[in-house]
Amino acid sequence: MAAIPDIPDCPSASGDGLLPAELHAWMLMLAATGAVEQELRAVVKERLDVSHDEFLVLCLLAADSGEALRMTRIAELLGRPKTRLTYQIACLQHAGLVTRKSVCGDKRGVEVALTEKARGLLKEASGVLAETVKEALARFMGPTQREALCALMPDFAAKATPE
């Protein structure tokens, strides 16, 4: 895993700058997300042999009850064009990680579901993936941001201080 350079504590959203606190918080969240995505890309490729965008599809399908989702809903949740998603789903299907089927009563509707192979791979890789996320966030965020994130991700508390 590539080392991320030490990043000083993120500036606070005190309201002293030009941006309102909400926009400042959004920008910090985007930066943190970018740091996590950068680290995850290599781990996802190594462990699951899929692209980052394909991994996001797998995560959506694995969330909650792991039920099938309509392709239109996946595109909506990921903010991706349906044509791009069609290609990603085809790649995942070719790899044996998802199945596609027509929605009963809707000629144009297509549902996508995880295969047992995908469930097994995700289960096997989930610990390493979660640790990658925690480590990337711990290196990126300052103490105040880490404390706030701990309220959302209880397991993050164990990794609250960067090494």
N, C-alpha and C. Protein backbone atom coordinates (compact mmCIF):
# COMPACT_ATOMS: atom_id res chain seq x y z
N MET A 1 0.83 -1.17 0.00
CA MET A 1 0.00 0.00 0.00
C MET A 1 0.88 1.23 0.00
N ALA A 2 0.60 2.20 -0.85
CA ALA A 2 1.41 3.40 -0.94
C ALA A 2 1.19 4.26 0.30
N ALA A 3 2.25 4.85 0.78
CA ALA A 3 2.15 5.70 1.97
C ALA A 3 1.59 7.05 1.58
N ILE A 4 0.70 7.55 2.40
CA ILE A 4 0.15 8.88 2.20
C ILE A 4 0.99 9.83 3.04
N PRO A 5 1.42 10.95 2.46
CA PRO A 5 2.21 11.89 3.25
C PRO A 5 1.40 12.41 4.43
N ASP A 6 2.11 12.79 5.49
CA ASP A 6 1.42 13.33 6.65
C ASP A 6 0.68 14.60 6.23
N ILE A 7 -0.58 14.64 6.60
CA ILE A 7 -1.40 15.80 6.28
C ILE A 7 -1.73 16.48 7.60
N PRO A 8 -1.50 17.78 7.71
CA PRO A 8 -1.81 18.46 8.96
C PRO A 8 -3.30 18.39 9.25
N ASP A 9 -3.64 18.61 10.50
CA ASP A 9 -5.05 18.59 10.87
C ASP A 9 -5.84 19.46 9.92
N CYS A 10 -7.02 18.99 9.58
CA CYS A 10 -7.88 19.74 8.69
C CYS A 10 -8.31 21.03 9.37
N PRO A 11 -8.43 22.11 8.62
CA PRO A 11 -8.88 23.36 9.24
C PRO A 11 -10.30 23.18 9.77
N SER A 12 -10.59 23.88 10.81
CA SER A 12 -11.92 23.74 11.42
C SER A 12 -12.95 24.50 10.60
N ALA A 13 -14.18 24.14 10.81
CA ALA A 13 -15.29 24.81 10.13
C ALA A 13 -15.84 25.89 11.05
N SER A 14 -14.96 26.78 11.49
CA SER A 14 -15.34 27.79 12.48
C SER A 14 -16.22 28.88 11.90
N GLY A 15 -16.26 28.96 10.58
CA GLY A 15 -17.08 30.01 9.98
C GLY A 15 -16.28 31.28 9.72
N ASP A 16 -14.98 31.29 10.04
CA ASP A 16 -14.16 32.48 9.85
C ASP A 16 -13.78 32.69 8.38
N GLY A 17 -13.87 31.64 7.56
CA GLY A 17 -13.47 31.73 6.16
C GLY A 17 -14.59 32.25 5.28
N LEU A 18 -14.37 32.15 3.98
CA LEU A 18 -15.37 32.62 3.02
C LEU A 18 -16.53 31.65 2.86
N LEU A 19 -16.30 30.37 3.15
CA LEU A 19 -17.33 29.36 2.93
C LEU A 19 -18.21 29.16 4.17
N PRO A 20 -19.49 28.95 3.96
CA PRO A 20 -20.34 28.60 5.11
C PRO A 20 -19.92 27.23 5.65
N ALA A 21 -20.19 26.97 6.90
CA ALA A 21 -19.76 25.73 7.57
C ALA A 21 -20.21 24.49 6.80
N GLU A 22 -21.43 24.50 6.27
CA GLU A 22 -21.94 23.33 5.56
C GLU A 22 -21.12 23.02 4.31
N LEU A 23 -20.76 24.06 3.57
CA LEU A 23 -19.97 23.86 2.35
C LEU A 23 -18.55 23.44 2.71
N HIS A 24 -18.01 24.03 3.76
CA HIS A 24 -16.67 23.65 4.21
C HIS A 24 -16.66 22.17 4.63
N ALA A 25 -17.66 21.76 5.38
CA ALA A 25 -17.75 20.37 5.82
C ALA A 25 -17.87 19.44 4.61
N TRP A 26 -18.65 19.84 3.62
CA TRP A 26 -18.80 19.04 2.41
C TRP A 26 -17.46 18.88 1.69
N MET A 27 -16.70 19.95 1.61
CA MET A 27 -15.39 19.89 0.95
C MET A 27 -14.44 18.97 1.70
N LEU A 28 -14.45 19.02 3.02
CA LEU A 28 -13.62 18.12 3.82
C LEU A 28 -14.03 16.67 3.60
N MET A 29 -15.34 16.43 3.52
CA MET A 29 -15.83 15.08 3.29
C MET A 29 -15.39 14.57 1.92
N LEU A 30 -15.45 15.42 0.90
CA LEU A 30 -15.00 15.02 -0.43
C LEU A 30 -13.51 14.69 -0.43
N ALA A 31 -12.72 15.49 0.26
CA ALA A 31 -11.28 15.25 0.32
C ALA A 31 -10.99 13.93 1.03
N ALA A 32 -11.69 13.68 2.12
CA ALA A 32 -11.50 12.42 2.86
C ALA A 32 -11.92 11.24 2.00
N THR A 33 -13.02 11.38 1.30
CA THR A 33 -13.49 10.32 0.42
C THR A 33 -12.48 10.04 -0.68
N GLY A 34 -11.89 11.09 -1.23
CA GLY A 34 -10.87 10.93 -2.26
C GLY A 34 -9.66 10.16 -1.75
N ALA A 35 -9.26 10.45 -0.50
CA ALA A 35 -8.12 9.74 0.08
C ALA A 35 -8.44 8.26 0.27
N VAL A 36 -9.65 7.96 0.71
CA VAL A 36 -10.05 6.57 0.89
C VAL A 36 -10.11 5.86 -0.46
N GLU A 37 -10.71 6.49 -1.45
CA GLU A 37 -10.82 5.87 -2.78
C GLU A 37 -9.45 5.56 -3.37
N GLN A 38 -8.51 6.48 -3.19
CA GLN A 38 -7.16 6.27 -3.72
C GLN A 38 -6.55 5.01 -3.12
N GLU A 39 -6.67 4.83 -1.83
CA GLU A 39 -6.11 3.65 -1.17
C GLU A 39 -6.89 2.38 -1.53
N LEU A 40 -8.20 2.50 -1.62
CA LEU A 40 -9.04 1.32 -1.89
C LEU A 40 -8.83 0.75 -3.28
N ARG A 41 -8.55 1.60 -4.26
CA ARG A 41 -8.43 1.14 -5.64
C ARG A 41 -7.48 -0.05 -5.77
N ALA A 42 -6.30 0.09 -5.20
CA ALA A 42 -5.30 -0.98 -5.32
C ALA A 42 -5.74 -2.24 -4.57
N VAL A 43 -6.30 -2.07 -3.39
CA VAL A 43 -6.73 -3.22 -2.58
C VAL A 43 -7.89 -3.94 -3.26
N VAL A 44 -8.83 -3.18 -3.80
CA VAL A 44 -9.98 -3.77 -4.50
C VAL A 44 -9.52 -4.54 -5.72
N LYS A 45 -8.60 -3.97 -6.48
CA LYS A 45 -8.09 -4.65 -7.68
C LYS A 45 -7.36 -5.94 -7.30
N GLU A 46 -6.56 -5.86 -6.24
CA GLU A 46 -5.79 -7.03 -5.81
C GLU A 46 -6.68 -8.12 -5.23
N ARG A 47 -7.62 -7.75 -4.38
CA ARG A 47 -8.45 -8.74 -3.68
C ARG A 47 -9.64 -9.25 -4.48
N LEU A 48 -10.26 -8.36 -5.26
CA LEU A 48 -11.49 -8.73 -5.97
C LEU A 48 -11.33 -8.76 -7.48
N ASP A 49 -10.24 -8.20 -7.98
CA ASP A 49 -9.99 -8.11 -9.41
C ASP A 49 -11.12 -7.41 -10.17
N VAL A 50 -11.59 -6.29 -9.59
CA VAL A 50 -12.60 -5.45 -10.23
C VAL A 50 -12.16 -4.00 -10.12
N SER A 51 -12.75 -3.15 -10.94
CA SER A 51 -12.46 -1.72 -10.88
C SER A 51 -13.14 -1.12 -9.65
N HIS A 52 -12.76 0.10 -9.32
CA HIS A 52 -13.38 0.77 -8.17
C HIS A 52 -14.88 0.96 -8.40
N ASP A 53 -15.26 1.39 -9.60
CA ASP A 53 -16.68 1.59 -9.90
C ASP A 53 -17.46 0.27 -9.83
N GLU A 54 -16.86 -0.82 -10.29
CA GLU A 54 -17.52 -2.12 -10.19
C GLU A 54 -17.65 -2.53 -8.72
N PHE A 55 -16.65 -2.19 -7.93
CA PHE A 55 -16.70 -2.47 -6.49
C PHE A 55 -17.86 -1.72 -5.84
N LEU A 56 -18.09 -0.48 -6.25
CA LEU A 56 -19.22 0.28 -5.69
C LEU A 56 -20.55 -0.40 -6.00
N VAL A 57 -20.67 -0.96 -7.19
CA VAL A 57 -21.89 -1.70 -7.55
C VAL A 57 -22.04 -2.91 -6.63
N LEU A 58 -20.95 -3.65 -6.43
CA LEU A 58 -20.99 -4.82 -5.54
C LEU A 58 -21.40 -4.41 -4.12
N CYS A 59 -20.86 -3.29 -3.65
CA CYS A 59 -21.20 -2.82 -2.31
C CYS A 59 -22.68 -2.48 -2.19
N LEU A 60 -23.22 -1.83 -3.21
CA LEU A 60 -24.66 -1.51 -3.19
C LEU A 60 -25.50 -2.79 -3.12
N LEU A 61 -25.11 -3.77 -3.91
CA LEU A 61 -25.86 -5.02 -3.94
C LEU A 61 -25.71 -5.81 -2.64
N ALA A 62 -24.58 -5.62 -1.96
CA ALA A 62 -24.34 -6.35 -0.70
C ALA A 62 -24.99 -5.65 0.50
N ALA A 63 -25.35 -4.39 0.35
CA ALA A 63 -25.92 -3.63 1.46
C ALA A 63 -27.28 -4.18 1.88
N ASP A 64 -27.60 -3.90 3.14
CA ASP A 64 -28.88 -4.30 3.71
C ASP A 64 -29.12 -5.80 3.55
N SER A 65 -30.19 -6.15 2.89
CA SER A 65 -30.57 -7.56 2.79
C SER A 65 -29.88 -8.28 1.63
N GLY A 66 -29.14 -7.55 0.82
CA GLY A 66 -28.47 -8.18 -0.32
C GLY A 66 -29.43 -8.58 -1.42
N GLU A 67 -30.58 -7.95 -1.48
CA GLU A 67 -31.57 -8.24 -2.51
C GLU A 67 -31.14 -7.67 -3.86
N ALA A 68 -31.77 -8.14 -4.91
CA ALA A 68 -31.51 -7.61 -6.24
C ALA A 68 -31.96 -6.16 -6.32
N LEU A 69 -31.28 -5.40 -7.13
CA LEU A 69 -31.65 -4.00 -7.37
C LEU A 69 -31.85 -3.79 -8.86
N ARG A 70 -32.77 -2.90 -9.18
CA ARG A 70 -32.96 -2.53 -10.57
C ARG A 70 -31.78 -1.69 -11.03
N MET A 71 -31.41 -1.84 -12.28
CA MET A 71 -30.28 -1.10 -12.81
C MET A 71 -30.52 0.41 -12.73
N THR A 72 -31.75 0.85 -12.94
CA THR A 72 -32.04 2.28 -12.85
C THR A 72 -31.77 2.80 -11.43
N ARG A 73 -32.08 1.99 -10.42
CA ARG A 73 -31.84 2.39 -9.03
C ARG A 73 -30.34 2.44 -8.73
N ILE A 74 -29.58 1.48 -9.23
CA ILE A 74 -28.13 1.47 -9.03
C ILE A 74 -27.53 2.72 -9.67
N ALA A 75 -27.94 3.03 -10.89
CA ALA A 75 -27.42 4.21 -11.59
C ALA A 75 -27.75 5.48 -10.79
N GLU A 76 -28.96 5.53 -10.27
CA GLU A 76 -29.39 6.69 -9.48
C GLU A 76 -28.56 6.82 -8.20
N LEU A 77 -28.36 5.73 -7.48
CA LEU A 77 -27.62 5.76 -6.23
C LEU A 77 -26.15 6.11 -6.42
N LEU A 78 -25.57 5.68 -7.54
CA LEU A 78 -24.16 5.95 -7.81
C LEU A 78 -23.95 7.25 -8.60
N GLY A 79 -25.04 7.82 -9.09
CA GLY A 79 -24.92 9.03 -9.89
C GLY A 79 -24.19 8.79 -11.19
N ARG A 80 -24.44 7.63 -11.80
CA ARG A 80 -23.75 7.23 -13.03
C ARG A 80 -24.76 7.14 -14.18
N PRO A 81 -24.31 7.42 -15.39
CA PRO A 81 -25.20 7.22 -16.54
C PRO A 81 -25.51 5.73 -16.71
N LYS A 82 -26.71 5.43 -17.15
CA LYS A 82 -27.12 4.03 -17.32
C LYS A 82 -26.24 3.29 -18.34
N THR A 83 -25.78 4.01 -19.36
CA THR A 83 -24.94 3.34 -20.37
C THR A 83 -23.62 2.88 -19.76
N ARG A 84 -23.02 3.69 -18.91
CA ARG A 84 -21.78 3.31 -18.25
C ARG A 84 -22.02 2.14 -17.29
N LEU A 85 -23.13 2.18 -16.59
CA LEU A 85 -23.47 1.11 -15.66
C LEU A 85 -23.70 -0.20 -16.40
N THR A 86 -24.29 -0.14 -17.56
CA THR A 86 -24.53 -1.36 -18.35
C THR A 86 -23.21 -2.06 -18.64
N TYR A 87 -22.19 -1.29 -18.99
CA TYR A 87 -20.87 -1.86 -19.25
C TYR A 87 -20.30 -2.49 -17.98
N GLN A 88 -20.38 -1.79 -16.86
CA GLN A 88 -19.85 -2.31 -15.59
C GLN A 88 -20.56 -3.59 -15.17
N ILE A 89 -21.87 -3.63 -15.33
CA ILE A 89 -22.64 -4.82 -14.97
C ILE A 89 -22.24 -5.98 -15.89
N ALA A 90 -22.02 -5.69 -17.16
CA ALA A 90 -21.59 -6.74 -18.09
C ALA A 90 -20.24 -7.32 -17.66
N CYS A 91 -19.32 -6.47 -17.25
CA CYS A 91 -18.00 -6.94 -16.77
C CYS A 91 -18.17 -7.80 -15.52
N LEU A 92 -19.00 -7.36 -14.59
CA LEU A 92 -19.24 -8.13 -13.37
C LEU A 92 -19.92 -9.46 -13.67
N GLN A 93 -20.84 -9.45 -14.62
CA GLN A 93 -21.52 -10.68 -15.01
C GLN A 93 -20.53 -11.65 -15.66
N HIS A 94 -19.68 -11.13 -16.52
CA HIS A 94 -18.67 -11.95 -17.19
C HIS A 94 -17.72 -12.60 -16.16
N ALA A 95 -17.44 -11.87 -15.06
CA ALA A 95 -16.57 -12.38 -14.00
C ALA A 95 -17.30 -13.34 -13.06
N GLY A 96 -18.61 -13.51 -13.28
CA GLY A 96 -19.39 -14.41 -12.44
C GLY A 96 -19.76 -13.83 -11.09
N LEU A 97 -19.78 -12.49 -11.00
CA LEU A 97 -20.05 -11.85 -9.72
C LEU A 97 -21.49 -11.35 -9.56
N VAL A 98 -22.19 -11.16 -10.67
CA VAL A 98 -23.60 -10.74 -10.61
C VAL A 98 -24.41 -11.51 -11.65
N THR A 99 -25.69 -11.51 -11.41
CA THR A 99 -26.64 -12.05 -12.39
C THR A 99 -27.58 -10.92 -12.79
N ARG A 100 -28.07 -11.01 -14.01
CA ARG A 100 -29.05 -10.04 -14.52
C ARG A 100 -30.30 -10.81 -14.93
N LYS A 101 -31.46 -10.24 -14.61
CA LYS A 101 -32.70 -10.84 -15.10
C LYS A 101 -33.73 -9.75 -15.32
N SER A 102 -34.65 -10.04 -16.22
CA SER A 102 -35.73 -9.10 -16.51
C SER A 102 -36.68 -9.04 -15.33
N VAL A 103 -37.24 -7.86 -15.13
CA VAL A 103 -38.21 -7.66 -14.06
C VAL A 103 -39.56 -8.14 -14.57
N CYS A 104 -40.20 -8.97 -13.79
CA CYS A 104 -41.51 -9.50 -14.16
C CYS A 104 -42.51 -8.36 -14.37
N GLY A 105 -43.14 -8.36 -15.54
CA GLY A 105 -44.14 -7.35 -15.83
C GLY A 105 -43.59 -6.04 -16.38
N ASP A 106 -42.29 -5.95 -16.56
CA ASP A 106 -41.68 -4.72 -17.08
C ASP A 106 -40.62 -5.12 -18.10
N LYS A 107 -40.95 -4.98 -19.39
CA LYS A 107 -40.05 -5.41 -20.46
C LYS A 107 -38.67 -4.74 -20.38
N ARG A 108 -38.65 -3.48 -19.97
CA ARG A 108 -37.39 -2.74 -19.97
C ARG A 108 -36.62 -2.87 -18.66
N GLY A 109 -37.28 -3.30 -17.60
CA GLY A 109 -36.64 -3.37 -16.30
C GLY A 109 -35.68 -4.55 -16.16
N VAL A 110 -34.51 -4.29 -15.59
CA VAL A 110 -33.51 -5.32 -15.37
C VAL A 110 -33.07 -5.25 -13.91
N GLU A 111 -33.08 -6.41 -13.25
CA GLU A 111 -32.59 -6.51 -11.88
C GLU A 111 -31.23 -7.18 -11.86
N VAL A 112 -30.39 -6.72 -10.94
CA VAL A 112 -29.05 -7.27 -10.79
C VAL A 112 -28.91 -7.78 -9.36
N ALA A 113 -28.28 -8.95 -9.22
CA ALA A 113 -28.07 -9.53 -7.89
C ALA A 113 -26.66 -10.11 -7.80
N LEU A 114 -26.15 -10.19 -6.59
CA LEU A 114 -24.85 -10.82 -6.35
C LEU A 114 -24.95 -12.32 -6.52
N THR A 115 -23.86 -12.92 -6.97
CA THR A 115 -23.77 -14.38 -7.00
C THR A 115 -23.13 -14.85 -5.69
N GLU A 116 -23.18 -16.13 -5.45
CA GLU A 116 -22.51 -16.68 -4.26
C GLU A 116 -21.01 -16.45 -4.33
N LYS A 117 -20.45 -16.48 -5.53
CA LYS A 117 -19.02 -16.20 -5.70
C LYS A 117 -18.70 -14.81 -5.19
N ALA A 118 -19.51 -13.82 -5.57
CA ALA A 118 -19.29 -12.44 -5.13
C ALA A 118 -19.45 -12.32 -3.62
N ARG A 119 -20.46 -12.97 -3.08
CA ARG A 119 -20.67 -12.93 -1.62
C ARG A 119 -19.45 -13.48 -0.89
N GLY A 120 -18.91 -14.58 -1.38
CA GLY A 120 -17.73 -15.17 -0.76
C GLY A 120 -16.51 -14.26 -0.84
N LEU A 121 -16.29 -13.67 -2.02
CA LEU A 121 -15.15 -12.77 -2.19
C LEU A 121 -15.27 -11.53 -1.29
N LEU A 122 -16.47 -10.97 -1.23
CA LEU A 122 -16.68 -9.79 -0.38
C LEU A 122 -16.48 -10.13 1.09
N LYS A 123 -16.99 -11.27 1.50
CA LYS A 123 -16.83 -11.68 2.89
C LYS A 123 -15.36 -11.88 3.23
N GLU A 124 -14.65 -12.54 2.33
CA GLU A 124 -13.22 -12.81 2.52
C GLU A 124 -12.40 -11.52 2.55
N ALA A 125 -12.75 -10.54 1.73
CA ALA A 125 -11.97 -9.31 1.62
C ALA A 125 -12.44 -8.20 2.56
N SER A 126 -13.58 -8.35 3.19
CA SER A 126 -14.18 -7.24 3.95
C SER A 126 -13.29 -6.72 5.07
N GLY A 127 -12.59 -7.60 5.77
CA GLY A 127 -11.73 -7.14 6.85
C GLY A 127 -10.60 -6.25 6.35
N VAL A 128 -9.94 -6.66 5.27
CA VAL A 128 -8.85 -5.87 4.69
C VAL A 128 -9.39 -4.56 4.14
N LEU A 129 -10.53 -4.60 3.49
CA LEU A 129 -11.12 -3.38 2.93
C LEU A 129 -11.50 -2.40 4.03
N ALA A 130 -12.11 -2.89 5.10
CA ALA A 130 -12.49 -2.02 6.22
C ALA A 130 -11.25 -1.41 6.87
N GLU A 131 -10.21 -2.19 7.03
CA GLU A 131 -8.97 -1.69 7.62
C GLU A 131 -8.34 -0.63 6.73
N THR A 132 -8.41 -0.82 5.43
CA THR A 132 -7.88 0.16 4.48
C THR A 132 -8.61 1.48 4.64
N VAL A 133 -9.93 1.42 4.76
CA VAL A 133 -10.74 2.64 4.95
C VAL A 133 -10.34 3.33 6.25
N LYS A 134 -10.28 2.57 7.33
CA LYS A 134 -9.94 3.16 8.64
C LYS A 134 -8.57 3.80 8.62
N GLU A 135 -7.59 3.13 8.03
CA GLU A 135 -6.23 3.67 8.00
C GLU A 135 -6.15 4.93 7.15
N ALA A 136 -6.82 4.94 6.01
CA ALA A 136 -6.80 6.12 5.15
C ALA A 136 -7.44 7.31 5.85
N LEU A 137 -8.56 7.08 6.50
CA LEU A 137 -9.23 8.17 7.21
C LEU A 137 -8.40 8.64 8.40
N ALA A 138 -7.79 7.72 9.11
CA ALA A 138 -6.99 8.08 10.28
C ALA A 138 -5.81 8.96 9.87
N ARG A 139 -5.23 8.71 8.71
CA ARG A 139 -4.11 9.52 8.24
C ARG A 139 -4.55 10.85 7.68
N PHE A 140 -5.76 10.92 7.19
CA PHE A 140 -6.21 12.13 6.53
C PHE A 140 -6.83 13.14 7.49
N MET A 141 -7.59 12.68 8.44
CA MET A 141 -8.39 13.57 9.28
C MET A 141 -7.64 14.02 10.52
N GLY A 142 -8.00 15.20 10.95
CA GLY A 142 -7.50 15.72 12.21
C GLY A 142 -8.29 15.13 13.37
N PRO A 143 -7.85 15.40 14.60
CA PRO A 143 -8.50 14.81 15.79
C PRO A 143 -9.99 15.11 15.89
N THR A 144 -10.40 16.34 15.57
CA THR A 144 -11.81 16.71 15.68
C THR A 144 -12.66 15.92 14.68
N GLN A 145 -12.15 15.79 13.45
CA GLN A 145 -12.89 15.06 12.43
C GLN A 145 -12.94 13.58 12.76
N ARG A 146 -11.84 13.03 13.28
CA ARG A 146 -11.83 11.62 13.67
C ARG A 146 -12.83 11.35 14.78
N GLU A 147 -12.91 12.27 15.73
CA GLU A 147 -13.86 12.12 16.83
C GLU A 147 -15.30 12.10 16.31
N ALA A 148 -15.60 12.99 15.38
CA ALA A 148 -16.95 13.03 14.79
C ALA A 148 -17.24 11.75 14.03
N LEU A 149 -16.24 11.26 13.29
CA LEU A 149 -16.43 10.04 12.51
C LEU A 149 -16.62 8.83 13.42
N CYS A 150 -15.99 8.84 14.58
CA CYS A 150 -16.14 7.73 15.52
C CYS A 150 -17.60 7.53 15.92
N ALA A 151 -18.35 8.60 15.95
CA ALA A 151 -19.77 8.49 16.28
C ALA A 151 -20.54 7.77 15.17
N LEU A 152 -20.06 7.89 13.93
CA LEU A 152 -20.72 7.24 12.80
C LEU A 152 -20.20 5.83 12.55
N MET A 153 -18.91 5.60 12.84
CA MET A 153 -18.26 4.31 12.60
C MET A 153 -17.58 3.87 13.90
N PRO A 154 -18.29 3.15 14.77
CA PRO A 154 -17.74 2.78 16.07
C PRO A 154 -16.38 2.09 16.00
N ASP A 155 -16.16 1.24 15.02
CA ASP A 155 -14.88 0.53 14.93
C ASP A 155 -13.73 1.47 14.56
N PHE A 156 -14.06 2.64 14.06
CA PHE A 156 -13.03 3.61 13.71
C PHE A 156 -12.32 4.12 14.96
N ALA A 157 -13.00 4.09 16.11
CA ALA A 157 -12.42 4.58 17.36
C ALA A 157 -11.12 3.87 17.69
N ALA A 158 -11.00 2.59 17.36
CA ALA A 158 -9.79 1.83 17.63
C ALA A 158 -8.60 2.35 16.84
N LYS A 159 -8.87 3.05 15.76
CA LYS A 159 -7.82 3.54 14.88
C LYS A 159 -7.82 5.08 14.86
N ALA A 160 -8.27 5.70 15.95
CA ALA A 160 -8.50 7.14 15.98
C ALA A 160 -7.23 7.98 15.91
N THR A 161 -6.09 7.42 16.18
CA THR A 161 -4.87 8.20 16.07
C THR A 161 -3.96 7.62 15.01
N PRO A 162 -3.44 8.46 14.11
CA PRO A 162 -2.57 7.93 13.06
C PRO A 162 -1.29 7.40 13.64
N GLU A 163 -0.71 6.41 12.91
CA GLU A 163 0.53 5.80 13.36
C GLU A 163 1.71 6.64 13.00
